[in-house]
All heavy atoms as atom14 arrays in JSON, in Angstrom:
{
  "sequence": "ALKKEFLNDEKKLKENMLRYHEDVKQQTDSRIEELQKIHDLKIKQ",
  "atom14_mask": [
    [1, 1, 1, 1, 1, 0, 0, 0, 0, 0, 0, 0, 0, 0],
    [1, 1, 1, 1, 1, 1, 1, 1, 0, 0, 0, 0, 0, 0],
    [1, 1, 1, 1, 1, 1, 1, 1, 1, 0, 0, 0, 0, 0],
    [1, 1, 1, 1, 1, 1, 1, 1, 1, 0, 0, 0, 0, 0],
    [1, 1, 1, 1, 1, 1, 1, 1, 1, 0, 0, 0, 0, 0],
    [1, 1, 1, 1, 1, 1, 1, 1, 1, 1, 1, 0, 0, 0],
    [1, 1, 1, 1, 1, 1, 1, 1, 0, 0, 0, 0, 0, 0],
    [1, 1, 1, 1, 1, 1, 1, 1, 0, 0, 0, 0, 0, 0],
    [1, 1, 1, 1, 1, 1, 1, 1, 0, 0, 0, 0, 0, 0],
    [1, 1, 1, 1, 1, 1, 1, 1, 1, 0, 0, 0, 0, 0],
    [1, 1, 1, 1, 1, 1, 1, 1, 1, 0, 0, 0, 0, 0],
    [1, 1, 1, 1, 1, 1, 1, 1, 1, 0, 0, 0, 0, 0],
    [1, 1, 1, 1, 1, 1, 1, 1, 0, 0, 0, 0, 0, 0],
    [1, 1, 1, 1, 1, 1, 1, 1, 1, 0, 0, 0, 0, 0],
    [1, 1, 1, 1, 1, 1, 1, 1, 1, 0, 0, 0, 0, 0],
    [1, 1, 1, 1, 1, 1, 1, 1, 0, 0, 0, 0, 0, 0],
    [1, 1, 1, 1, 1, 1, 1, 1, 0, 0, 0, 0, 0, 0],
    [1, 1, 1, 1, 1, 1, 1, 1, 0, 0, 0, 0, 0, 0],
    [1, 1, 1, 1, 1, 1, 1, 1, 1, 1, 1, 0, 0, 0],
    [1, 1, 1, 1, 1, 1, 1, 1, 1, 1, 1, 1, 0, 0],
    [1, 1, 1, 1, 1, 1, 1, 1, 1, 1, 0, 0, 0, 0],
    [1, 1, 1, 1, 1, 1, 1, 1, 1, 0, 0, 0, 0, 0],
    [1, 1, 1, 1, 1, 1, 1, 1, 0, 0, 0, 0, 0, 0],
    [1, 1, 1, 1, 1, 1, 1, 0, 0, 0, 0, 0, 0, 0],
    [1, 1, 1, 1, 1, 1, 1, 1, 1, 0, 0, 0, 0, 0],
    [1, 1, 1, 1, 1, 1, 1, 1, 1, 0, 0, 0, 0, 0],
    [1, 1, 1, 1, 1, 1, 1, 1, 1, 0, 0, 0, 0, 0],
    [1, 1, 1, 1, 1, 1, 1, 0, 0, 0, 0, 0, 0, 0],
    [1, 1, 1, 1, 1, 1, 1, 1, 0, 0, 0, 0, 0, 0],
    [1, 1, 1, 1, 1, 1, 0, 0, 0, 0, 0, 0, 0, 0],
    [1, 1, 1, 1, 1, 1, 1, 1, 1, 1, 1, 0, 0, 0],
    [1, 1, 1, 1, 1, 1, 1, 1, 0, 0, 0, 0, 0, 0],
    [1, 1, 1, 1, 1, 1, 1, 1, 1, 0, 0, 0, 0, 0],
    [1, 1, 1, 1, 1, 1, 1, 1, 1, 0, 0, 0, 0, 0],
    [1, 1, 1, 1, 1, 1, 1, 1, 0, 0, 0, 0, 0, 0],
    [1, 1, 1, 1, 1, 1, 1, 1, 1, 0, 0, 0, 0, 0],
    [1, 1, 1, 1, 1, 1, 1, 1, 1, 0, 0, 0, 0, 0],
    [1, 1, 1, 1, 1, 1, 1, 1, 0, 0, 0, 0, 0, 0],
    [1, 1, 1, 1, 1, 1, 1, 1, 1, 1, 0, 0, 0, 0],
    [1, 1, 1, 1, 1, 1, 1, 1, 0, 0, 0, 0, 0, 0],
    [1, 1, 1, 1, 1, 1, 1, 1, 0, 0, 0, 0, 0, 0],
    [1, 1, 1, 1, 1, 1, 1, 1, 1, 0, 0, 0, 0, 0],
    [1, 1, 1, 1, 1, 1, 1, 1, 0, 0, 0, 0, 0, 0],
    [1, 1, 1, 1, 1, 1, 1, 1, 1, 0, 0, 0, 0, 0],
    [1, 1, 1, 1, 1, 1, 1, 1, 1, 0, 0, 0, 0, 0]
  ],
  "atom14_positions": [
    [[90.87, 40.75, -38.78], [91.61, 39.62, -38.23], [92.86, 40.1, -37.5], [93.19, 39.6, -36.42], [91.98, 38.64, -39.34], [0.0, 0.0, 0.0], [0.0, 0.0, 0.0], [0.0, 0.0, 0.0], [0.0, 0.0, 0.0], [0.0, 0.0, 0.0], [0.0, 0.0, 0.0], [0.0, 0.0, 0.0], [0.0, 0.0, 0.0], [0.0, 0.0, 0.0]],
    [[93.54, 41.08, -38.07], [94.74, 41.63, -37.41], [94.39, 42.33, -36.11], [95.12, 42.23, -35.12], [95.47, 42.6, -38.35], [96.25, 41.97, -39.49], [96.76, 43.05, -40.45], [97.41, 41.15, -38.95], [0.0, 0.0, 0.0], [0.0, 0.0, 0.0], [0.0, 0.0, 0.0], [0.0, 0.0, 0.0], [0.0, 0.0, 0.0], [0.0, 0.0, 0.0]],
    [[93.26, 43.05, -36.1], [92.81, 43.71, -34.87], [92.54, 42.67, -33.79], [92.94, 42.84, -32.63], [91.55, 44.53, -35.12], [91.79, 45.83, -35.82], [90.46, 46.58, -36.01], [90.63, 47.85, -36.78], [89.36, 48.56, -37.01], [0.0, 0.0, 0.0], [0.0, 0.0, 0.0], [0.0, 0.0, 0.0], [0.0, 0.0, 0.0], [0.0, 0.0, 0.0]],
    [[91.84, 41.59, -34.16], [91.53, 40.54, -33.19], [92.82, 39.9, -32.68], [92.96, 39.65, -31.48], [90.63, 39.48, -33.82], [89.2, 39.92, -33.98], [88.35, 38.83, -34.61], [86.92, 39.31, -34.82], [86.08, 38.29, -35.44], [0.0, 0.0, 0.0], [0.0, 0.0, 0.0], [0.0, 0.0, 0.0], [0.0, 0.0, 0.0], [0.0, 0.0, 0.0]],
    [[93.75, 39.64, -33.59], [95.03, 39.04, -33.2], [95.78, 39.98, -32.26], [96.34, 39.55, -31.25], [95.86, 38.75, -34.45], [97.18, 38.08, -34.15], [97.99, 37.79, -35.4], [97.46, 37.93, -36.53], [99.16, 37.45, -35.26], [0.0, 0.0, 0.0], [0.0, 0.0, 0.0], [0.0, 0.0, 0.0], [0.0, 0.0, 0.0], [0.0, 0.0, 0.0]],
    [[95.78, 41.27, -32.58], [96.45, 42.25, -31.73], [95.82, 42.27, -30.34], [96.54, 42.25, -29.33], [96.38, 43.64, -32.36], [96.9, 44.72, -31.46], [98.26, 44.92, -31.33], [96.03, 45.53, -30.74], [98.75, 45.91, -30.5], [96.51, 46.51, -29.91], [97.87, 46.71, -29.78], [0.0, 0.0, 0.0], [0.0, 0.0, 0.0], [0.0, 0.0, 0.0]],
    [[94.5, 42.32, -30.28], [93.81, 42.37, -28.98], [94.07, 41.1, -28.18], [94.26, 41.15, -26.95], [92.31, 42.59, -29.18], [91.92, 43.97, -29.72], [90.42, 44.02, -30.01], [92.32, 45.07, -28.75], [0.0, 0.0, 0.0], [0.0, 0.0, 0.0], [0.0, 0.0, 0.0], [0.0, 0.0, 0.0], [0.0, 0.0, 0.0], [0.0, 0.0, 0.0]],
    [[94.1, 39.96, -28.86], [94.39, 38.7, -28.2], [95.82, 38.7, -27.65], [96.06, 38.31, -26.5], [94.18, 37.54, -29.17], [94.24, 36.2, -28.48], [93.81, 36.06, -27.35], [94.79, 35.22, -29.17], [0.0, 0.0, 0.0], [0.0, 0.0, 0.0], [0.0, 0.0, 0.0], [0.0, 0.0, 0.0], [0.0, 0.0, 0.0], [0.0, 0.0, 0.0]],
    [[96.77, 39.15, -28.47], [98.17, 39.21, -28.03], [98.32, 40.19, -26.87], [99.07, 39.94, -25.92], [99.09, 39.63, -29.19], [99.25, 38.54, -30.23], [98.84, 37.39, -29.97], [99.78, 38.85, -31.32], [0.0, 0.0, 0.0], [0.0, 0.0, 0.0], [0.0, 0.0, 0.0], [0.0, 0.0, 0.0], [0.0, 0.0, 0.0], [0.0, 0.0, 0.0]],
    [[97.62, 41.32, -26.96], [97.67, 42.32, -25.89], [97.14, 41.73, -24.58], [97.73, 41.9, -23.51], [96.85, 43.55, -26.29], [96.84, 44.64, -25.24], [95.95, 45.8, -25.63], [94.87, 45.58, -26.22], [96.34, 46.94, -25.35], [0.0, 0.0, 0.0], [0.0, 0.0, 0.0], [0.0, 0.0, 0.0], [0.0, 0.0, 0.0], [0.0, 0.0, 0.0]],
    [[96.03, 41.0, -24.67], [95.44, 40.38, -23.48], [96.41, 39.37, -22.87], [96.62, 39.35, -21.65], [94.13, 39.68, -23.87], [93.44, 39.0, -22.72], [92.17, 38.3, -23.19], [91.55, 37.5, -22.07], [90.42, 36.71, -22.52], [0.0, 0.0, 0.0], [0.0, 0.0, 0.0], [0.0, 0.0, 0.0], [0.0, 0.0, 0.0], [0.0, 0.0, 0.0]],
    [[97.02, 38.53, -23.73], [97.97, 37.54, -23.23], [99.17, 38.21, -22.58], [99.66, 37.76, -21.53], [98.44, 36.63, -24.37], [97.41, 35.63, -24.82], [97.92, 34.78, -25.96], [96.89, 33.8, -26.45], [97.38, 33.0, -27.59], [0.0, 0.0, 0.0], [0.0, 0.0, 0.0], [0.0, 0.0, 0.0], [0.0, 0.0, 0.0], [0.0, 0.0, 0.0]],
    [[99.65, 39.28, -23.18], [100.8, 40.0, -22.62], [100.46, 40.59, -21.26], [101.25, 40.49, -20.32], [101.24, 41.11, -23.59], [102.44, 41.93, -23.17], [103.68, 41.04, -22.99], [102.72, 43.01, -24.2], [0.0, 0.0, 0.0], [0.0, 0.0, 0.0], [0.0, 0.0, 0.0], [0.0, 0.0, 0.0], [0.0, 0.0, 0.0], [0.0, 0.0, 0.0]],
    [[99.29, 41.18, -21.15], [98.86, 41.74, -19.86], [98.75, 40.63, -18.81], [99.15, 40.82, -17.66], [97.53, 42.47, -20.0], [97.65, 43.81, -20.69], [96.3, 44.49, -20.81], [96.43, 45.84, -21.5], [95.14, 46.51, -21.64], [0.0, 0.0, 0.0], [0.0, 0.0, 0.0], [0.0, 0.0, 0.0], [0.0, 0.0, 0.0], [0.0, 0.0, 0.0]],
    [[98.18, 39.49, -19.21], [98.07, 38.37, -18.27], [99.45, 37.89, -17.83], [99.67, 37.62, -16.64], [97.29, 37.22, -18.91], [95.81, 37.51, -19.09], [95.1, 36.47, -19.94], [95.77, 35.55, -20.48], [93.87, 36.57, -20.07], [0.0, 0.0, 0.0], [0.0, 0.0, 0.0], [0.0, 0.0, 0.0], [0.0, 0.0, 0.0], [0.0, 0.0, 0.0]],
    [[100.37, 37.79, -18.78], [101.73, 37.37, -18.44], [102.41, 38.38, -17.52], [103.13, 38.0, -16.58], [102.57, 37.18, -19.71], [102.18, 35.94, -20.47], [101.56, 35.03, -19.93], [102.53, 35.9, -21.75], [0.0, 0.0, 0.0], [0.0, 0.0, 0.0], [0.0, 0.0, 0.0], [0.0, 0.0, 0.0], [0.0, 0.0, 0.0], [0.0, 0.0, 0.0]],
    [[102.19, 39.66, -17.79], [102.79, 40.69, -16.94], [102.22, 40.63, -15.53], [102.96, 40.76, -14.55], [102.56, 42.08, -17.56], [103.39, 42.32, -18.8], [102.99, 43.87, -19.65], [103.49, 45.07, -18.45], [0.0, 0.0, 0.0], [0.0, 0.0, 0.0], [0.0, 0.0, 0.0], [0.0, 0.0, 0.0], [0.0, 0.0, 0.0], [0.0, 0.0, 0.0]],
    [[100.92, 40.43, -15.42], [100.3, 40.32, -14.09], [100.82, 39.09, -13.35], [101.1, 39.15, -12.15], [98.78, 40.25, -14.22], [98.08, 41.57, -14.53], [96.59, 41.33, -14.8], [98.25, 42.55, -13.4], [0.0, 0.0, 0.0], [0.0, 0.0, 0.0], [0.0, 0.0, 0.0], [0.0, 0.0, 0.0], [0.0, 0.0, 0.0], [0.0, 0.0, 0.0]],
    [[100.94, 37.98, -14.08], [101.46, 36.76, -13.47], [102.91, 36.97, -13.0], [103.28, 36.58, -11.89], [101.36, 35.6, -14.48], [101.45, 34.24, -13.87], [101.06, 33.1, -14.8], [101.2, 33.29, -16.23], [100.19, 33.56, -17.06], [98.96, 33.66, -16.61], [100.4, 33.7, -18.36], [0.0, 0.0, 0.0], [0.0, 0.0, 0.0], [0.0, 0.0, 0.0]],
    [[103.71, 37.61, -13.83], [105.09, 37.9, -13.47], [105.14, 38.82, -12.25], [105.93, 38.6, -11.33], [105.83, 38.55, -14.66], [107.24, 38.93, -14.35], [108.25, 37.97, -14.27], [107.57, 40.27, -14.13], [109.54, 38.32, -13.98], [108.88, 40.63, -13.83], [109.86, 39.67, -13.76], [111.15, 40.01, -13.46], [0.0, 0.0, 0.0], [0.0, 0.0, 0.0]],
    [[104.28, 39.83, -12.24], [104.22, 40.75, -11.1], [103.88, 39.99, -9.81], [104.5, 40.22, -8.77], [103.17, 41.83, -11.37], [102.88, 42.7, -10.2], [103.74, 43.68, -9.77], [101.84, 42.72, -9.35], [103.22, 44.28, -8.7], [102.07, 43.71, -8.43], [0.0, 0.0, 0.0], [0.0, 0.0, 0.0], [0.0, 0.0, 0.0], [0.0, 0.0, 0.0]],
    [[102.9, 39.1, -9.9], [102.52, 38.31, -8.73], [103.67, 37.41, -8.27], [103.91, 37.27, -7.07], [101.27, 37.47, -9.02], [100.0, 38.29, -9.13], [99.67, 39.05, -7.86], [99.81, 38.48, -6.75], [99.27, 40.23, -7.98], [0.0, 0.0, 0.0], [0.0, 0.0, 0.0], [0.0, 0.0, 0.0], [0.0, 0.0, 0.0], [0.0, 0.0, 0.0]],
    [[104.37, 36.81, -9.21], [105.52, 35.96, -8.87], [106.6, 36.76, -8.17], [107.15, 36.34, -7.15], [106.11, 35.29, -10.12], [105.22, 34.21, -10.7], [104.25, 33.79, -10.01], [105.47, 33.78, -11.85], [0.0, 0.0, 0.0], [0.0, 0.0, 0.0], [0.0, 0.0, 0.0], [0.0, 0.0, 0.0], [0.0, 0.0, 0.0], [0.0, 0.0, 0.0]],
    [[106.91, 37.93, -8.72], [107.94, 38.78, -8.11], [107.49, 39.23, -6.72], [108.29, 39.23, -5.77], [108.26, 39.99, -9.02], [109.1, 41.02, -8.29], [108.97, 39.53, -10.29], [0.0, 0.0, 0.0], [0.0, 0.0, 0.0], [0.0, 0.0, 0.0], [0.0, 0.0, 0.0], [0.0, 0.0, 0.0], [0.0, 0.0, 0.0], [0.0, 0.0, 0.0]],
    [[106.23, 39.6, -6.6], [105.71, 40.03, -5.29], [105.79, 38.89, -4.28], [106.22, 39.09, -3.13], [104.26, 40.5, -5.44], [103.67, 41.08, -4.16], [102.26, 41.54, -4.4], [101.6, 42.14, -3.21], [101.84, 41.55, -1.94], [0.0, 0.0, 0.0], [0.0, 0.0, 0.0], [0.0, 0.0, 0.0], [0.0, 0.0, 0.0], [0.0, 0.0, 0.0]],
    [[105.42, 37.7, -4.7], [105.47, 36.55, -3.8], [106.92, 36.24, -3.41], [107.2, 35.98, -2.23], [104.83, 35.33, -4.47], [104.74, 34.13, -3.56], [104.05, 32.96, -4.24], [103.79, 32.98, -5.43], [103.76, 31.92, -3.47], [0.0, 0.0, 0.0], [0.0, 0.0, 0.0], [0.0, 0.0, 0.0], [0.0, 0.0, 0.0], [0.0, 0.0, 0.0]],
    [[107.83, 36.28, -4.36], [109.24, 36.03, -4.05], [109.77, 37.11, -3.09], [110.52, 36.79, -2.15], [110.08, 36.03, -5.33], [109.83, 34.83, -6.2], [110.53, 34.94, -7.56], [111.25, 35.9, -7.82], [110.3, 33.95, -8.42], [0.0, 0.0, 0.0], [0.0, 0.0, 0.0], [0.0, 0.0, 0.0], [0.0, 0.0, 0.0], [0.0, 0.0, 0.0]],
    [[109.39, 38.34, -3.33], [109.83, 39.45, -2.47], [109.27, 39.27, -1.06], [110.0, 39.42, -0.07], [109.38, 40.8, -3.06], [109.91, 40.93, -4.38], [109.85, 41.96, -2.21], [0.0, 0.0, 0.0], [0.0, 0.0, 0.0], [0.0, 0.0, 0.0], [0.0, 0.0, 0.0], [0.0, 0.0, 0.0], [0.0, 0.0, 0.0], [0.0, 0.0, 0.0]],
    [[107.99, 38.94, -0.96], [107.39, 38.73, 0.35], [108.06, 37.57, 1.09], [108.33, 37.66, 2.29], [105.88, 38.45, 0.21], [105.09, 39.69, -0.21], [105.66, 40.8, -0.16], [103.92, 39.53, -0.61], [0.0, 0.0, 0.0], [0.0, 0.0, 0.0], [0.0, 0.0, 0.0], [0.0, 0.0, 0.0], [0.0, 0.0, 0.0], [0.0, 0.0, 0.0]],
    [[108.36, 36.5, 0.35], [109.04, 35.35, 0.97], [110.42, 35.75, 1.46], [110.84, 35.37, 2.57], [109.17, 34.2, -0.03], [107.91, 33.7, -0.38], [0.0, 0.0, 0.0], [0.0, 0.0, 0.0], [0.0, 0.0, 0.0], [0.0, 0.0, 0.0], [0.0, 0.0, 0.0], [0.0, 0.0, 0.0], [0.0, 0.0, 0.0], [0.0, 0.0, 0.0]],
    [[111.14, 36.49, 0.66], [112.49, 36.91, 1.06], [112.44, 37.85, 2.26], [113.27, 37.76, 3.17], [113.18, 37.6, -0.13], [114.6, 37.97, 0.14], [115.48, 36.74, 0.28], [116.84, 37.16, 0.52], [117.64, 36.64, 1.42], [117.25, 35.62, 2.15], [118.86, 37.12, 1.59], [0.0, 0.0, 0.0], [0.0, 0.0, 0.0], [0.0, 0.0, 0.0]],
    [[111.44, 38.74, 2.29], [111.28, 39.64, 3.44], [111.01, 38.82, 4.7], [111.58, 39.1, 5.77], [110.16, 40.67, 3.19], [110.63, 41.68, 2.15], [109.74, 41.37, 4.48], [109.55, 42.63, 1.65], [0.0, 0.0, 0.0], [0.0, 0.0, 0.0], [0.0, 0.0, 0.0], [0.0, 0.0, 0.0], [0.0, 0.0, 0.0], [0.0, 0.0, 0.0]],
    [[110.16, 37.81, 4.59], [109.89, 36.94, 5.75], [111.16, 36.25, 6.22], [111.42, 36.19, 7.44], [108.84, 35.88, 5.39], [107.42, 36.33, 5.53], [106.45, 35.18, 5.25], [106.67, 34.06, 5.77], [105.48, 35.43, 4.52], [0.0, 0.0, 0.0], [0.0, 0.0, 0.0], [0.0, 0.0, 0.0], [0.0, 0.0, 0.0], [0.0, 0.0, 0.0]],
    [[111.93, 35.71, 5.29], [113.19, 35.06, 5.65], [114.12, 36.02, 6.36], [114.71, 35.68, 7.4], [113.89, 34.53, 4.4], [113.25, 33.32, 3.75], [113.96, 32.95, 2.44], [115.17, 33.24, 2.3], [113.29, 32.38, 1.57], [0.0, 0.0, 0.0], [0.0, 0.0, 0.0], [0.0, 0.0, 0.0], [0.0, 0.0, 0.0], [0.0, 0.0, 0.0]],
    [[114.25, 37.21, 5.81], [115.14, 38.21, 6.41], [114.63, 38.64, 7.79], [115.42, 38.87, 8.71], [115.29, 39.42, 5.49], [116.08, 39.18, 4.2], [116.0, 40.41, 3.29], [117.53, 38.84, 4.5], [0.0, 0.0, 0.0], [0.0, 0.0, 0.0], [0.0, 0.0, 0.0], [0.0, 0.0, 0.0], [0.0, 0.0, 0.0], [0.0, 0.0, 0.0]],
    [[113.31, 38.74, 7.93], [112.73, 39.1, 9.24], [113.03, 38.01, 10.27], [113.39, 38.32, 11.41], [111.21, 39.32, 9.1], [110.56, 39.84, 10.37], [111.05, 41.23, 10.73], [111.13, 42.1, 9.87], [111.4, 41.43, 11.98], [0.0, 0.0, 0.0], [0.0, 0.0, 0.0], [0.0, 0.0, 0.0], [0.0, 0.0, 0.0], [0.0, 0.0, 0.0]],
    [[112.92, 36.75, 9.87], [113.23, 35.65, 10.78], [114.71, 35.69, 11.18], [115.05, 35.5, 12.35], [112.89, 34.31, 10.15], [111.4, 34.05, 10.06], [111.11, 32.73, 9.34], [109.61, 32.52, 9.21], [109.29, 31.32, 8.46], [0.0, 0.0, 0.0], [0.0, 0.0, 0.0], [0.0, 0.0, 0.0], [0.0, 0.0, 0.0], [0.0, 0.0, 0.0]],
    [[115.56, 35.91, 10.18], [117.0, 36.0, 10.47], [117.27, 37.17, 11.39], [118.04, 37.05, 12.37], [117.81, 36.14, 9.15], [117.72, 34.83, 8.35], [119.26, 36.53, 9.44], [118.28, 34.93, 6.94], [0.0, 0.0, 0.0], [0.0, 0.0, 0.0], [0.0, 0.0, 0.0], [0.0, 0.0, 0.0], [0.0, 0.0, 0.0], [0.0, 0.0, 0.0]],
    [[116.62, 38.3, 11.12], [116.78, 39.48, 11.97], [116.32, 39.19, 13.4], [117.04, 39.53, 14.36], [115.98, 40.65, 11.37], [115.99, 41.88, 12.2], [117.08, 42.71, 12.3], [115.03, 42.42, 12.99], [116.8, 43.69, 13.13], [115.55, 43.56, 13.54], [0.0, 0.0, 0.0], [0.0, 0.0, 0.0], [0.0, 0.0, 0.0], [0.0, 0.0, 0.0]],
    [[115.16, 38.58, 13.52], [114.65, 38.25, 14.86], [115.61, 37.32, 15.59], [115.88, 37.5, 16.8], [113.26, 37.6, 14.76], [112.2, 38.59, 14.31], [112.47, 39.8, 14.31], [111.1, 38.13, 13.92], [0.0, 0.0, 0.0], [0.0, 0.0, 0.0], [0.0, 0.0, 0.0], [0.0, 0.0, 0.0], [0.0, 0.0, 0.0], [0.0, 0.0, 0.0]],
    [[116.14, 36.33, 14.89], [117.1, 35.4, 15.49], [118.36, 36.14, 15.93], [118.87, 35.92, 17.05], [117.43, 34.29, 14.49], [118.4, 33.22, 14.98], [117.8, 32.44, 16.14], [118.73, 32.31, 13.83], [0.0, 0.0, 0.0], [0.0, 0.0, 0.0], [0.0, 0.0, 0.0], [0.0, 0.0, 0.0], [0.0, 0.0, 0.0], [0.0, 0.0, 0.0]],
    [[118.85, 37.03, 15.1], [120.06, 37.79, 15.43], [119.81, 38.7, 16.62], [120.69, 38.86, 17.48], [120.54, 38.61, 14.23], [121.01, 37.8, 13.05], [122.27, 37.05, 13.39], [122.74, 36.24, 12.2], [123.9, 35.44, 12.49], [0.0, 0.0, 0.0], [0.0, 0.0, 0.0], [0.0, 0.0, 0.0], [0.0, 0.0, 0.0], [0.0, 0.0, 0.0]],
    [[118.63, 39.29, 16.7], [118.29, 40.14, 17.85], [118.31, 39.31, 19.12], [118.86, 39.72, 20.16], [116.91, 40.81, 17.64], [116.96, 41.85, 16.53], [116.39, 41.42, 18.94], [117.73, 43.1, 16.87], [0.0, 0.0, 0.0], [0.0, 0.0, 0.0], [0.0, 0.0, 0.0], [0.0, 0.0, 0.0], [0.0, 0.0, 0.0], [0.0, 0.0, 0.0]],
    [[117.72, 38.12, 19.08], [117.72, 37.24, 20.26], [119.14, 36.87, 20.65], [119.48, 36.86, 21.83], [116.89, 35.99, 19.97], [115.4, 36.25, 19.94], [114.64, 34.97, 19.61], [113.15, 35.26, 19.51], [112.39, 34.08, 19.15], [0.0, 0.0, 0.0], [0.0, 0.0, 0.0], [0.0, 0.0, 0.0], [0.0, 0.0, 0.0], [0.0, 0.0, 0.0]],
    [[119.94, 36.53, 19.64], [121.34, 36.18, 19.93], [122.07, 37.36, 20.53], [122.86, 37.2, 21.48], [122.06, 35.72, 18.65], [121.61, 34.38, 18.15], [122.25, 34.04, 16.8], [122.89, 34.87, 16.17], [122.05, 32.79, 16.37], [0.0, 0.0, 0.0], [0.0, 0.0, 0.0], [0.0, 0.0, 0.0], [0.0, 0.0, 0.0], [0.0, 0.0, 0.0]]
  ]
}
């Protein structure tokens, strides 16, 4: 039972870590896009 609980907790932790990684990646990509737009605007100005 402890082994099963451990494996279940491990699986949930990995899923949470992957979800967090995806969130951080998405936030980073969004911020890069924003900065690129600002950069492009500043270049035009």
